[in-house]
N, C-alpha and C. Protein backbone atom coordinates (compact mmCIF):
# COMPACT_ATOMS: atom_id res chain seq x y z
N MET A 1 18.09 -6.84 16.43
CA MET A 1 17.21 -5.34 16.25
C MET A 1 15.96 -6.11 15.70
N GLU A 2 14.65 -5.57 15.96
CA GLU A 2 13.44 -6.43 15.73
C GLU A 2 13.05 -5.68 14.49
N GLN A 3 12.44 -6.38 13.67
CA GLN A 3 12.12 -5.74 12.31
C GLN A 3 10.55 -5.98 12.37
N LEU A 4 10.01 -4.77 12.09
CA LEU A 4 8.37 -4.83 12.00
C LEU A 4 7.93 -4.42 10.72
N LEU A 5 7.00 -5.16 10.20
CA LEU A 5 6.54 -4.96 8.93
C LEU A 5 5.12 -4.73 8.89
N PHE A 6 4.83 -3.47 8.28
CA PHE A 6 3.33 -2.94 8.16
C PHE A 6 2.98 -3.11 6.76
N LEU A 7 1.81 -3.84 6.38
CA LEU A 7 1.14 -3.78 5.23
C LEU A 7 -0.22 -3.17 5.21
N GLY A 8 -0.70 -2.64 4.06
CA GLY A 8 -2.13 -2.08 4.01
C GLY A 8 -2.28 -1.18 3.01
N ASP A 9 -3.20 -0.31 3.04
CA ASP A 9 -3.68 0.50 2.15
C ASP A 9 -3.24 1.99 2.58
N SER A 10 -3.98 3.11 2.15
CA SER A 10 -3.68 4.26 2.46
C SER A 10 -3.50 4.69 3.89
N ILE A 11 -4.25 4.02 4.68
CA ILE A 11 -4.34 4.37 6.11
C ILE A 11 -2.58 4.11 6.59
N THR A 12 -2.21 2.85 6.17
CA THR A 12 -0.72 2.70 6.46
C THR A 12 0.15 3.53 5.68
N ASP A 13 -0.07 3.52 4.28
CA ASP A 13 0.75 4.21 3.57
C ASP A 13 1.20 5.55 3.91
N CYS A 14 0.08 6.55 4.09
CA CYS A 14 0.17 7.88 4.72
C CYS A 14 1.47 8.58 4.28
N TYR A 15 1.40 8.64 2.96
CA TYR A 15 2.50 9.26 2.20
C TYR A 15 4.16 8.74 2.44
N HIS A 16 4.07 7.53 2.83
CA HIS A 16 5.35 7.14 3.27
C HIS A 16 6.49 7.17 1.96
N SER A 17 6.10 7.19 0.73
CA SER A 17 7.14 7.21 -0.25
C SER A 17 7.61 8.52 -0.42
N PHE A 18 7.13 9.38 0.16
CA PHE A 18 7.63 10.83 0.12
C PHE A 18 8.53 11.10 1.23
N ASP A 19 8.88 10.38 1.91
CA ASP A 19 9.72 10.45 3.36
C ASP A 19 11.01 9.78 2.99
N THR A 20 11.97 10.37 3.55
CA THR A 20 13.54 9.82 3.42
C THR A 20 13.57 8.44 4.11
N ASP A 21 12.86 8.32 5.32
CA ASP A 21 12.78 7.18 6.10
C ASP A 21 11.55 6.13 5.79
N ASN A 22 10.91 6.54 4.88
CA ASN A 22 9.79 5.78 4.37
C ASN A 22 8.81 5.27 5.45
N LEU A 23 8.62 6.09 6.47
CA LEU A 23 7.66 5.80 7.32
C LEU A 23 6.18 6.37 7.32
N GLY A 24 6.12 7.48 6.49
CA GLY A 24 4.77 8.12 6.26
C GLY A 24 4.59 8.90 7.52
N GLU A 25 3.08 9.34 7.48
CA GLU A 25 2.95 10.52 8.41
C GLU A 25 1.91 10.19 9.44
N GLY A 26 1.64 9.01 9.48
CA GLY A 26 0.50 8.27 10.47
C GLY A 26 1.04 7.43 11.54
N TYR A 27 -0.01 6.39 11.67
CA TYR A 27 0.23 5.64 12.83
C TYR A 27 1.56 4.70 12.84
N VAL A 28 2.08 4.37 11.78
CA VAL A 28 3.33 3.58 11.47
C VAL A 28 4.41 4.49 12.14
N ARG A 29 4.67 5.73 11.72
CA ARG A 29 5.64 6.61 12.23
C ARG A 29 5.51 6.66 13.86
N MET A 30 4.40 6.87 14.39
CA MET A 30 4.15 7.17 15.85
C MET A 30 4.70 5.90 16.48
N ILE A 31 4.44 4.68 15.66
CA ILE A 31 4.79 3.47 16.58
C ILE A 31 6.28 3.39 16.47
N ALA A 32 6.86 3.54 15.33
CA ALA A 32 8.26 3.58 15.25
C ALA A 32 9.04 4.62 16.20
N GLU A 33 8.50 5.87 16.38
CA GLU A 33 9.14 6.71 17.20
C GLU A 33 8.88 6.13 18.62
N ASN A 34 7.92 5.73 19.09
CA ASN A 34 7.62 5.34 20.37
C ASN A 34 8.66 4.07 20.72
N LEU A 35 9.05 3.27 19.63
CA LEU A 35 9.78 2.21 20.18
C LEU A 35 11.30 2.35 19.73
N GLY A 36 11.66 3.81 19.39
CA GLY A 36 13.14 3.98 19.50
C GLY A 36 13.66 3.86 18.02
N TYR A 37 12.82 4.18 17.16
CA TYR A 37 13.45 3.97 15.67
C TYR A 37 14.45 4.98 15.54
N GLY A 38 15.67 4.75 14.88
CA GLY A 38 16.68 5.61 14.62
C GLY A 38 17.73 5.47 15.67
N PHE A 39 17.45 4.45 16.62
CA PHE A 39 18.47 4.17 17.76
C PHE A 39 18.86 2.96 17.60
N ASP A 40 18.83 2.16 16.78
CA ASP A 40 19.21 0.93 16.67
C ASP A 40 18.61 -0.19 17.50
N ARG A 41 17.22 0.19 17.94
CA ARG A 41 16.52 -0.44 18.69
C ARG A 41 15.29 -1.64 17.90
N VAL A 42 14.93 -0.77 16.81
CA VAL A 42 14.02 -1.37 16.05
C VAL A 42 13.90 -0.87 14.40
N GLU A 43 13.87 -1.70 13.50
CA GLU A 43 13.69 -1.57 12.12
C GLU A 43 12.08 -1.63 11.73
N VAL A 44 11.68 -0.33 11.08
CA VAL A 44 10.22 -0.36 10.78
C VAL A 44 10.03 -0.06 9.31
N LEU A 45 9.50 -1.03 8.61
CA LEU A 45 9.14 -1.11 7.18
C LEU A 45 7.63 -0.95 6.97
N ASN A 46 7.27 0.25 6.23
CA ASN A 46 6.05 0.48 5.89
C ASN A 46 5.87 0.50 4.42
N LYS A 47 5.13 -0.75 4.08
CA LYS A 47 4.84 -1.21 2.63
C LYS A 47 3.31 -1.00 2.44
N GLY A 48 2.67 -0.18 3.28
CA GLY A 48 1.32 0.34 2.65
C GLY A 48 1.17 1.01 1.40
N ILE A 49 0.28 0.75 0.57
CA ILE A 49 0.20 1.24 -0.76
C ILE A 49 -1.58 1.93 -0.74
N ASP A 50 -1.52 3.05 -1.12
CA ASP A 50 -2.83 3.91 -1.29
C ASP A 50 -3.86 2.93 -2.34
N GLY A 51 -5.06 2.83 -1.92
CA GLY A 51 -5.89 2.07 -2.88
C GLY A 51 -5.79 0.47 -2.90
N PHE A 52 -4.95 -0.03 -1.88
CA PHE A 52 -4.84 -1.53 -1.99
C PHE A 52 -6.14 -2.18 -1.38
N THR A 53 -6.44 -3.28 -1.93
CA THR A 53 -7.36 -4.37 -1.70
C THR A 53 -6.73 -5.51 -1.15
N LEU A 54 -7.41 -6.48 -0.82
CA LEU A 54 -6.74 -7.87 -0.32
C LEU A 54 -6.12 -8.51 -1.38
N PRO A 55 -6.48 -8.60 -2.54
CA PRO A 55 -5.88 -9.08 -3.78
C PRO A 55 -4.82 -8.63 -4.03
N ALA A 56 -4.58 -7.02 -4.21
CA ALA A 56 -3.48 -6.43 -4.37
C ALA A 56 -2.27 -6.73 -3.22
N LEU A 57 -2.76 -6.84 -1.92
CA LEU A 57 -1.70 -7.12 -0.69
C LEU A 57 -1.07 -8.46 -1.08
N LEU A 58 -1.92 -9.35 -1.53
CA LEU A 58 -1.46 -10.87 -1.75
C LEU A 58 -0.34 -10.81 -2.83
N ARG A 59 -0.73 -9.89 -3.88
CA ARG A 59 0.40 -9.69 -5.01
C ARG A 59 1.57 -9.15 -4.59
N LEU A 60 1.40 -8.05 -3.60
CA LEU A 60 2.57 -7.39 -3.12
C LEU A 60 3.51 -8.32 -2.22
N TRP A 61 2.89 -9.32 -1.57
CA TRP A 61 3.74 -10.12 -0.97
C TRP A 61 4.51 -11.14 -1.65
N LYS A 62 3.79 -11.72 -2.54
CA LYS A 62 4.80 -12.54 -3.53
C LYS A 62 5.71 -11.83 -4.30
N ARG A 63 5.42 -10.57 -4.62
CA ARG A 63 6.45 -9.70 -5.59
C ARG A 63 7.46 -9.21 -4.64
N ASP A 64 7.20 -8.50 -3.44
CA ASP A 64 8.31 -7.65 -2.90
C ASP A 64 8.44 -8.07 -1.53
N CYS A 65 7.77 -8.86 -0.73
CA CYS A 65 7.92 -8.93 0.49
C CYS A 65 8.27 -10.54 0.96
N VAL A 66 8.43 -11.32 -0.05
CA VAL A 66 8.54 -12.96 0.17
C VAL A 66 10.14 -13.18 0.67
N GLU A 67 11.04 -12.34 0.40
CA GLU A 67 12.30 -12.47 0.86
C GLU A 67 12.61 -11.71 2.08
N LEU A 68 11.74 -11.08 2.68
CA LEU A 68 11.81 -10.34 4.03
C LEU A 68 11.77 -11.23 5.09
N HIS A 69 12.28 -11.06 6.32
CA HIS A 69 12.24 -11.87 7.41
C HIS A 69 11.80 -10.91 8.59
N PRO A 70 10.76 -10.72 8.70
CA PRO A 70 10.32 -9.67 9.63
C PRO A 70 10.21 -10.52 11.06
N ASP A 71 10.11 -9.72 12.16
CA ASP A 71 9.71 -10.31 13.24
C ASP A 71 8.55 -10.29 13.76
N LYS A 72 7.77 -9.17 13.21
CA LYS A 72 6.11 -9.18 13.34
C LYS A 72 5.88 -8.56 12.13
N ILE A 73 4.49 -8.89 11.71
CA ILE A 73 3.80 -8.37 10.55
C ILE A 73 2.50 -7.85 11.09
N THR A 74 2.20 -6.70 10.74
CA THR A 74 0.91 -5.88 11.02
C THR A 74 0.24 -5.74 9.63
N ILE A 75 -1.15 -6.17 9.53
CA ILE A 75 -2.01 -5.97 8.37
C ILE A 75 -3.24 -5.08 8.82
N LEU A 76 -3.42 -4.07 7.88
CA LEU A 76 -4.67 -3.39 8.05
C LEU A 76 -5.24 -3.17 6.77
N ILE A 77 -6.24 -3.80 6.46
CA ILE A 77 -6.90 -4.08 4.95
C ILE A 77 -8.56 -4.14 4.88
N GLY A 78 -9.23 -3.71 4.02
CA GLY A 78 -10.37 -4.03 3.98
C GLY A 78 -11.26 -3.07 3.55
N ILE A 79 -11.20 -1.74 3.68
CA ILE A 79 -12.03 -0.62 3.43
C ILE A 79 -12.16 -0.58 1.78
N ASN A 80 -11.01 -0.78 1.15
CA ASN A 80 -11.16 -0.63 -0.37
C ASN A 80 -11.85 -1.69 -0.99
N ASP A 81 -11.84 -2.96 -0.28
CA ASP A 81 -12.40 -4.03 -0.75
C ASP A 81 -14.21 -3.70 -0.70
N VAL A 82 -14.42 -2.96 0.30
CA VAL A 82 -15.86 -2.68 0.59
C VAL A 82 -16.20 -1.69 -0.49
N GLY A 83 -15.23 -0.78 -0.73
CA GLY A 83 -15.59 0.18 -1.93
C GLY A 83 -15.76 -0.29 -3.28
N VAL A 84 -14.88 -1.42 -3.44
CA VAL A 84 -14.89 -2.25 -4.90
C VAL A 84 -16.50 -2.78 -5.02
N ILE A 85 -16.94 -3.37 -3.64
CA ILE A 85 -18.22 -4.17 -3.78
C ILE A 85 -19.27 -3.28 -4.02
N LYS A 86 -19.32 -2.16 -3.15
CA LYS A 86 -20.29 -0.99 -3.24
C LYS A 86 -20.46 -0.14 -4.63
N ASN A 87 -19.29 0.08 -5.28
CA ASN A 87 -19.34 0.72 -6.20
C ASN A 87 -19.31 -0.03 -7.76
N THR A 88 -19.08 -1.29 -7.63
CA THR A 88 -19.63 -2.09 -8.88
C THR A 88 -20.80 -3.21 -8.84
N GLY A 89 -21.49 -3.02 -7.94
CA GLY A 89 -22.55 -3.85 -7.82
C GLY A 89 -22.49 -5.18 -7.71
N ALA A 90 -21.29 -5.63 -7.23
CA ALA A 90 -20.97 -7.21 -7.22
C ALA A 90 -21.74 -7.82 -6.35
N ASP A 91 -21.98 -9.12 -6.34
CA ASP A 91 -22.70 -9.89 -5.62
C ASP A 91 -21.92 -9.88 -4.06
N VAL A 92 -22.74 -9.63 -3.08
CA VAL A 92 -22.20 -9.39 -1.82
C VAL A 92 -21.73 -10.78 -1.01
N ASN A 93 -22.69 -11.71 -1.23
CA ASN A 93 -22.46 -12.84 -0.37
C ASN A 93 -21.16 -13.53 -1.28
N PHE A 94 -21.04 -13.62 -2.47
CA PHE A 94 -19.81 -13.99 -3.21
C PHE A 94 -18.86 -13.37 -2.93
N SER A 95 -18.94 -11.94 -2.83
CA SER A 95 -17.54 -11.15 -2.50
C SER A 95 -16.95 -11.58 -1.22
N LEU A 96 -18.05 -11.58 -0.22
CA LEU A 96 -17.57 -11.78 1.03
C LEU A 96 -16.83 -13.40 1.24
N GLU A 97 -17.30 -14.30 0.63
CA GLU A 97 -16.63 -15.55 0.47
C GLU A 97 -15.49 -15.47 -0.12
N GLU A 98 -15.36 -14.72 -1.29
CA GLU A 98 -13.83 -14.30 -1.99
C GLU A 98 -12.99 -13.78 -0.87
N PHE A 99 -13.54 -12.88 -0.06
CA PHE A 99 -12.65 -12.12 0.92
C PHE A 99 -12.20 -12.97 1.84
N LYS A 100 -13.23 -13.95 2.40
CA LYS A 100 -12.46 -14.83 3.46
C LYS A 100 -11.47 -15.98 2.95
N ILE A 101 -11.67 -16.25 1.58
CA ILE A 101 -10.68 -17.24 0.99
C ILE A 101 -9.52 -16.49 0.70
N GLY A 102 -9.51 -15.33 0.32
CA GLY A 102 -8.24 -14.21 -0.04
C GLY A 102 -7.59 -14.22 1.54
N CYS A 103 -8.39 -13.88 2.49
CA CYS A 103 -7.56 -13.70 3.64
C CYS A 103 -6.81 -15.07 4.26
N GLU A 104 -7.40 -15.93 4.06
CA GLU A 104 -6.76 -17.35 4.40
C GLU A 104 -5.59 -17.76 3.29
N THR A 105 -5.78 -17.37 2.37
CA THR A 105 -4.65 -17.58 1.20
C THR A 105 -3.34 -16.67 1.62
N LEU A 106 -3.70 -15.39 1.85
CA LEU A 106 -2.57 -14.47 2.43
C LEU A 106 -1.93 -15.09 3.65
N ILE A 107 -2.59 -15.41 4.76
CA ILE A 107 -1.98 -15.92 6.04
C ILE A 107 -1.20 -17.16 5.50
N GLU A 108 -1.75 -18.00 4.86
CA GLU A 108 -0.97 -19.26 4.55
C GLU A 108 0.08 -19.16 3.72
N THR A 109 0.23 -18.09 2.90
CA THR A 109 1.15 -17.69 1.92
C THR A 109 2.38 -17.19 2.70
N ILE A 110 1.86 -16.16 3.64
CA ILE A 110 3.11 -15.61 4.44
C ILE A 110 3.79 -16.66 5.33
N ARG A 111 2.84 -17.68 5.79
CA ARG A 111 3.52 -18.46 6.84
C ARG A 111 4.43 -19.58 6.11
N LYS A 112 4.19 -19.70 4.78
CA LYS A 112 5.21 -20.87 4.03
C LYS A 112 6.72 -19.99 4.20
N THR A 113 6.83 -18.65 4.20
CA THR A 113 8.36 -18.42 4.41
C THR A 113 8.65 -17.42 5.70
N CYS A 114 7.62 -17.26 6.55
CA CYS A 114 7.84 -16.62 7.49
C CYS A 114 6.97 -17.04 8.86
N ALA A 115 7.47 -17.33 10.01
CA ALA A 115 6.73 -17.98 11.01
C ALA A 115 6.49 -16.83 12.09
N CYS A 116 6.73 -15.73 11.74
CA CYS A 116 6.77 -14.52 12.81
C CYS A 116 5.29 -14.35 13.12
N PRO A 117 4.83 -13.67 14.36
CA PRO A 117 3.47 -13.56 14.58
C PRO A 117 3.04 -12.32 13.69
N ILE A 118 1.72 -12.51 13.42
CA ILE A 118 1.05 -11.58 12.44
C ILE A 118 -0.15 -10.96 13.31
N ILE A 119 -0.39 -9.76 13.04
CA ILE A 119 -1.39 -9.02 13.60
C ILE A 119 -2.33 -8.50 12.69
N LEU A 120 -3.61 -8.76 12.75
CA LEU A 120 -4.69 -8.29 11.82
C LEU A 120 -5.25 -6.93 12.62
N MET A 121 -5.61 -5.93 12.00
CA MET A 121 -6.14 -4.79 12.69
C MET A 121 -7.51 -4.40 12.04
N GLU A 122 -8.55 -4.16 12.74
CA GLU A 122 -9.92 -3.93 12.01
C GLU A 122 -9.99 -2.71 11.29
N PRO A 123 -10.59 -2.99 10.01
CA PRO A 123 -10.73 -1.94 9.04
C PRO A 123 -12.08 -1.21 9.72
N PHE A 124 -12.04 0.27 9.36
CA PHE A 124 -13.02 1.23 9.95
C PHE A 124 -13.55 2.23 8.83
N VAL A 125 -14.72 2.77 9.16
CA VAL A 125 -15.32 3.64 8.25
C VAL A 125 -16.22 4.35 9.26
N PHE A 126 -16.52 5.67 8.92
CA PHE A 126 -17.39 6.71 9.75
C PHE A 126 -18.70 6.98 9.13
N ALA A 127 -19.76 7.30 9.81
CA ALA A 127 -20.83 7.58 9.23
C ALA A 127 -21.21 9.12 8.64
N HIS A 128 -19.91 9.83 8.76
CA HIS A 128 -20.02 11.20 8.20
C HIS A 128 -18.79 11.20 7.32
N PRO A 129 -18.79 11.69 5.88
CA PRO A 129 -20.02 12.23 5.40
C PRO A 129 -20.99 10.85 5.15
N ALA A 130 -22.39 11.31 4.93
CA ALA A 130 -23.47 10.31 4.98
C ALA A 130 -23.48 9.09 4.10
N GLU A 131 -22.68 9.40 2.84
CA GLU A 131 -22.77 8.44 1.87
C GLU A 131 -21.89 7.05 2.53
N TYR A 132 -21.12 7.21 3.52
CA TYR A 132 -20.50 6.12 4.06
C TYR A 132 -21.29 5.41 5.06
N SER A 133 -22.42 5.89 5.54
CA SER A 133 -23.28 5.03 6.61
C SER A 133 -23.51 3.70 5.91
N SER A 134 -23.83 3.55 4.59
CA SER A 134 -24.33 2.47 3.92
C SER A 134 -23.09 1.45 3.97
N TRP A 135 -21.82 2.00 4.06
CA TRP A 135 -20.69 0.96 4.06
C TRP A 135 -20.61 0.21 5.44
N LYS A 136 -21.02 0.65 6.28
CA LYS A 136 -20.73 0.25 7.76
C LYS A 136 -21.25 -1.17 8.08
N PRO A 137 -22.40 -1.54 7.42
CA PRO A 137 -22.83 -3.01 7.76
C PRO A 137 -21.98 -4.23 6.81
N LEU A 138 -21.55 -3.69 5.61
CA LEU A 138 -20.63 -4.36 4.85
C LEU A 138 -19.28 -4.66 5.40
N LEU A 139 -18.91 -3.38 6.06
CA LEU A 139 -17.55 -3.53 6.71
C LEU A 139 -17.49 -4.29 7.84
N ALA A 140 -18.47 -4.11 8.56
CA ALA A 140 -18.68 -5.25 9.76
C ALA A 140 -18.59 -6.57 9.41
N GLU A 141 -19.28 -7.18 8.29
CA GLU A 141 -18.89 -8.27 7.81
C GLU A 141 -17.55 -8.69 7.51
N ILE A 142 -16.91 -7.59 6.88
CA ILE A 142 -15.57 -7.75 6.44
C ILE A 142 -14.46 -7.98 7.74
N SER A 143 -15.12 -7.17 8.66
CA SER A 143 -14.32 -7.27 10.18
C SER A 143 -14.46 -8.63 10.90
N ARG A 144 -15.84 -8.98 10.50
CA ARG A 144 -16.24 -10.25 11.14
C ARG A 144 -15.31 -11.47 10.60
N ILE A 145 -15.13 -11.57 9.42
CA ILE A 145 -14.29 -12.43 8.69
C ILE A 145 -12.79 -12.33 9.03
N LEU A 146 -12.08 -11.03 9.04
CA LEU A 146 -10.91 -10.86 9.68
C LEU A 146 -10.79 -11.57 10.97
N ALA A 147 -11.63 -11.18 11.90
CA ALA A 147 -11.39 -11.56 13.32
C ALA A 147 -11.50 -13.25 13.30
N GLY A 148 -12.51 -13.71 12.56
CA GLY A 148 -12.58 -15.18 12.47
C GLY A 148 -11.26 -15.76 11.91
N VAL A 149 -10.70 -15.01 11.04
CA VAL A 149 -9.41 -15.69 10.45
C VAL A 149 -8.13 -15.56 11.63
N ALA A 150 -8.26 -14.51 12.15
CA ALA A 150 -7.27 -14.26 13.20
C ALA A 150 -7.59 -15.41 14.40
N ASN A 151 -8.65 -15.76 14.61
CA ASN A 151 -8.96 -16.64 15.46
C ASN A 151 -8.40 -18.10 15.24
N ARG A 152 -8.77 -18.30 13.99
CA ARG A 152 -8.59 -19.67 13.58
C ARG A 152 -6.95 -19.89 13.31
N TYR A 153 -6.29 -18.98 13.27
CA TYR A 153 -4.81 -19.00 12.79
C TYR A 153 -4.07 -18.83 14.01
N GLY A 154 -4.59 -18.30 14.88
CA GLY A 154 -3.98 -17.83 16.29
C GLY A 154 -3.26 -16.56 16.18
N LEU A 155 -3.92 -15.66 15.36
CA LEU A 155 -3.10 -14.35 15.10
C LEU A 155 -3.68 -13.32 16.16
N THR A 156 -2.95 -12.30 16.26
CA THR A 156 -3.47 -11.04 17.11
C THR A 156 -4.49 -10.32 16.39
N TRP A 157 -5.63 -9.95 17.09
CA TRP A 157 -6.60 -9.24 16.38
C TRP A 157 -6.84 -7.88 17.30
N ILE A 158 -6.76 -6.72 16.61
CA ILE A 158 -6.93 -5.44 17.26
C ILE A 158 -8.12 -4.86 16.73
N PRO A 159 -9.08 -4.64 17.51
CA PRO A 159 -10.43 -3.90 17.09
C PRO A 159 -10.08 -2.40 17.28
N LEU A 160 -10.54 -1.77 16.14
CA LEU A 160 -10.44 -0.33 15.84
C LEU A 160 -11.81 0.36 15.92
N GLN A 161 -12.85 -0.01 15.44
CA GLN A 161 -14.00 0.77 15.14
C GLN A 161 -14.67 1.31 16.39
N GLU A 162 -14.81 0.44 17.27
CA GLU A 162 -15.38 1.20 18.63
C GLU A 162 -14.69 2.14 19.29
N ASP A 163 -13.41 1.92 19.29
CA ASP A 163 -12.51 2.99 19.98
C ASP A 163 -12.62 4.45 19.01
N LEU A 164 -12.63 4.14 17.78
CA LEU A 164 -12.64 5.36 16.96
C LEU A 164 -13.98 6.13 17.09
N ASP A 165 -15.12 5.25 17.06
CA ASP A 165 -16.55 5.78 17.32
C ASP A 165 -16.50 6.60 18.72
N ARG A 166 -15.99 6.07 19.60
CA ARG A 166 -15.96 6.73 20.95
C ARG A 166 -15.37 8.02 20.90
N ALA A 167 -14.34 7.86 20.17
CA ALA A 167 -13.34 9.43 19.94
C ALA A 167 -14.05 10.31 19.17
N VAL A 168 -15.20 9.81 18.25
CA VAL A 168 -15.62 10.79 17.43
C VAL A 168 -16.65 11.23 18.47
N GLU A 169 -17.32 10.66 19.45
CA GLU A 169 -18.22 11.19 20.35
C GLU A 169 -17.78 12.27 21.16
N ARG A 170 -16.33 12.30 21.48
CA ARG A 170 -15.69 13.17 22.28
C ARG A 170 -15.20 14.21 21.41
N ALA A 171 -14.66 14.13 20.26
CA ALA A 171 -13.84 15.04 19.44
C ALA A 171 -14.66 15.39 18.15
N GLY A 172 -15.73 14.74 17.83
CA GLY A 172 -16.49 15.31 16.47
C GLY A 172 -15.76 14.54 15.51
N TYR A 173 -16.60 14.33 14.35
CA TYR A 173 -16.05 13.72 13.22
C TYR A 173 -14.50 14.47 12.89
N GLU A 174 -14.73 15.52 12.77
CA GLU A 174 -13.56 16.43 12.24
C GLU A 174 -12.16 16.35 13.08
N GLY A 175 -12.47 15.99 14.32
CA GLY A 175 -11.33 15.71 15.28
C GLY A 175 -10.62 14.46 14.91
N ILE A 176 -11.33 13.26 14.06
CA ILE A 176 -10.78 11.99 14.07
C ILE A 176 -10.60 11.56 12.71
N THR A 177 -11.42 12.14 11.66
CA THR A 177 -11.43 11.79 10.33
C THR A 177 -11.46 13.05 9.30
N ILE A 178 -10.66 12.97 8.26
CA ILE A 178 -10.75 14.07 7.34
C ILE A 178 -11.88 13.77 6.09
N ASP A 179 -12.33 12.67 6.02
CA ASP A 179 -13.32 12.51 5.02
C ASP A 179 -14.28 11.50 5.06
N GLY A 180 -14.15 10.63 6.13
CA GLY A 180 -14.85 9.61 6.52
C GLY A 180 -14.24 8.21 6.54
N ILE A 181 -13.13 8.14 5.95
CA ILE A 181 -12.25 7.07 5.82
C ILE A 181 -10.73 7.38 6.26
N HIS A 182 -10.11 8.45 6.09
CA HIS A 182 -8.83 8.56 6.38
C HIS A 182 -9.00 9.51 7.91
N LEU A 183 -7.61 9.50 8.47
CA LEU A 183 -7.78 10.08 9.71
C LEU A 183 -7.03 11.19 9.97
N THR A 184 -7.27 11.87 11.02
CA THR A 184 -6.38 12.93 11.52
C THR A 184 -5.36 12.45 12.22
N THR A 185 -4.37 13.38 12.62
CA THR A 185 -3.25 12.97 13.65
C THR A 185 -3.92 12.30 14.99
N GLU A 186 -4.88 12.94 15.57
CA GLU A 186 -5.48 12.16 16.68
C GLU A 186 -5.97 10.79 16.28
N GLY A 187 -6.71 10.65 15.09
CA GLY A 187 -7.13 9.38 14.80
C GLY A 187 -5.96 8.27 14.65
N HIS A 188 -4.85 8.60 13.91
CA HIS A 188 -3.85 7.80 13.94
C HIS A 188 -3.26 7.62 15.35
N GLN A 189 -3.17 8.44 16.20
CA GLN A 189 -2.72 8.30 17.65
C GLN A 189 -3.49 7.32 18.22
N ILE A 190 -4.79 7.07 17.90
CA ILE A 190 -5.46 5.99 18.51
C ILE A 190 -5.12 4.73 17.99
N ILE A 191 -4.89 4.55 16.71
CA ILE A 191 -4.35 3.23 16.23
C ILE A 191 -2.96 2.92 16.72
N ALA A 192 -2.00 3.91 16.86
CA ALA A 192 -0.77 3.41 17.36
C ALA A 192 -0.84 3.10 19.04
N GLN A 193 -1.65 3.85 19.49
CA GLN A 193 -1.73 3.41 21.18
C GLN A 193 -2.36 1.92 21.16
N ARG A 194 -3.33 1.63 20.25
CA ARG A 194 -3.90 0.24 20.61
C ARG A 194 -2.91 -0.76 20.25
N TRP A 195 -2.07 -0.39 19.04
CA TRP A 195 -0.99 -1.52 18.69
C TRP A 195 -0.20 -1.51 19.83
N LEU A 196 0.42 -0.48 20.39
CA LEU A 196 1.28 -0.65 21.44
C LEU A 196 0.81 -1.30 22.67
N GLU A 197 -0.34 -1.19 23.00
CA GLU A 197 -0.99 -1.78 24.06
C GLU A 197 -1.18 -3.43 23.75
N SER A 198 -1.38 -3.69 22.65
CA SER A 198 -1.72 -5.06 22.18
C SER A 198 -0.34 -5.77 21.99
N THR A 199 0.79 -5.02 21.84
CA THR A 199 2.07 -5.92 21.32
C THR A 199 3.05 -5.90 22.47
N ALA A 200 2.75 -4.87 23.61
CA ALA A 200 3.83 -4.61 24.38
C ALA A 200 4.59 -5.85 24.90
N GLN A 201 3.74 -6.70 25.40
CA GLN A 201 4.11 -8.14 25.90
C GLN A 201 5.08 -8.96 25.05
N SER A 202 4.88 -8.93 23.80
CA SER A 202 5.54 -9.68 22.70
C SER A 202 6.81 -9.08 22.30
N LEU A 203 6.71 -7.82 22.15
CA LEU A 203 8.13 -7.16 21.59
C LEU A 203 9.25 -7.59 22.41
N SER A 204 10.51 -8.01 21.82
CA SER A 204 11.58 -8.73 22.62
C SER A 204 12.65 -7.79 22.69
N SER A 205 13.13 -7.46 21.48
CA SER A 205 14.41 -6.91 21.62
C SER A 205 14.32 -5.27 21.65
N CYS A 206 13.19 -4.69 21.64
CA CYS A 206 13.11 -3.38 21.57
C CYS A 206 12.27 -3.21 23.16
N ASN A 207 12.54 -2.15 23.73
CA ASN A 207 11.82 -1.69 24.80
C ASN A 207 10.34 -1.24 24.49
N ALA A 208 9.38 -2.01 24.85
CA ALA A 208 8.05 -1.83 24.54
C ALA A 208 7.23 -1.02 25.62
N GLU A 209 8.02 -0.38 26.33
CA GLU A 209 7.00 0.48 27.38
C GLU A 209 6.30 1.58 26.46
N ILE A 210 5.18 1.73 26.90
CA ILE A 210 4.23 2.62 26.26
C ILE A 210 4.25 4.22 26.81
N HIS A 211 4.78 4.92 26.05
CA HIS A 211 4.95 6.31 26.42
C HIS A 211 3.53 7.04 26.10
N GLU A 212 2.71 7.08 26.94
CA GLU A 212 1.38 7.48 26.51
C GLU A 212 1.38 9.04 26.12
N ASN A 213 2.27 9.69 26.93
CA ASN A 213 2.15 11.21 26.66
C ASN A 213 2.81 11.68 25.46
N HIS A 214 3.54 10.65 24.91
CA HIS A 214 4.21 10.98 23.50
C HIS A 214 3.24 10.78 22.49
N LEU A 215 2.23 10.10 22.65
CA LEU A 215 1.40 10.01 21.70
C LEU A 215 0.03 10.90 21.66
N ARG A 216 0.06 11.87 22.60
CA ARG A 216 -1.13 12.57 22.95
C ARG A 216 -0.76 14.09 22.48
């Protein structure tokens, strides 16, 4: 049975601690249900935690995840790191360099105990409410760093911002995001679909056929 581990912030968390199966209400549950969770086909672990930054994720791995042996790890992180930089007035260039070093440290730390494939997903933010418009250039730099780390270490990189922006053009902001950062059900469906499309060929022990109608 394939074990899939999801790491990240509130987008991944999605109230999973309040569920009996710890899947949450977002894209992690949608992926799990699509892949046959509950029918001995796949085990899905949601370790996302609301408010997490990259340094917090590294601490979580060392404390709670190092003994795990997943078949695939998915990471979605970065938006809270931008929030910290914007809200504290930290030096941007220094902070970005620290983020890059942190990304590399996280991947190298994971690979010391786990040789499984790692997926990095692009963090995102919306231009509505207007206060988040100023976050977009900095988040684009964070995404560039993540994409570079994915390329350097041979990881799967899943872009999300462009797909979500196109969805906003179709459905409006209110159809995709509830506050400029967090997602509606349709927003989570987009992430789940992109993950399934990107990993379908590599999932081995579970049937990775993508049931598009199930996610709509």
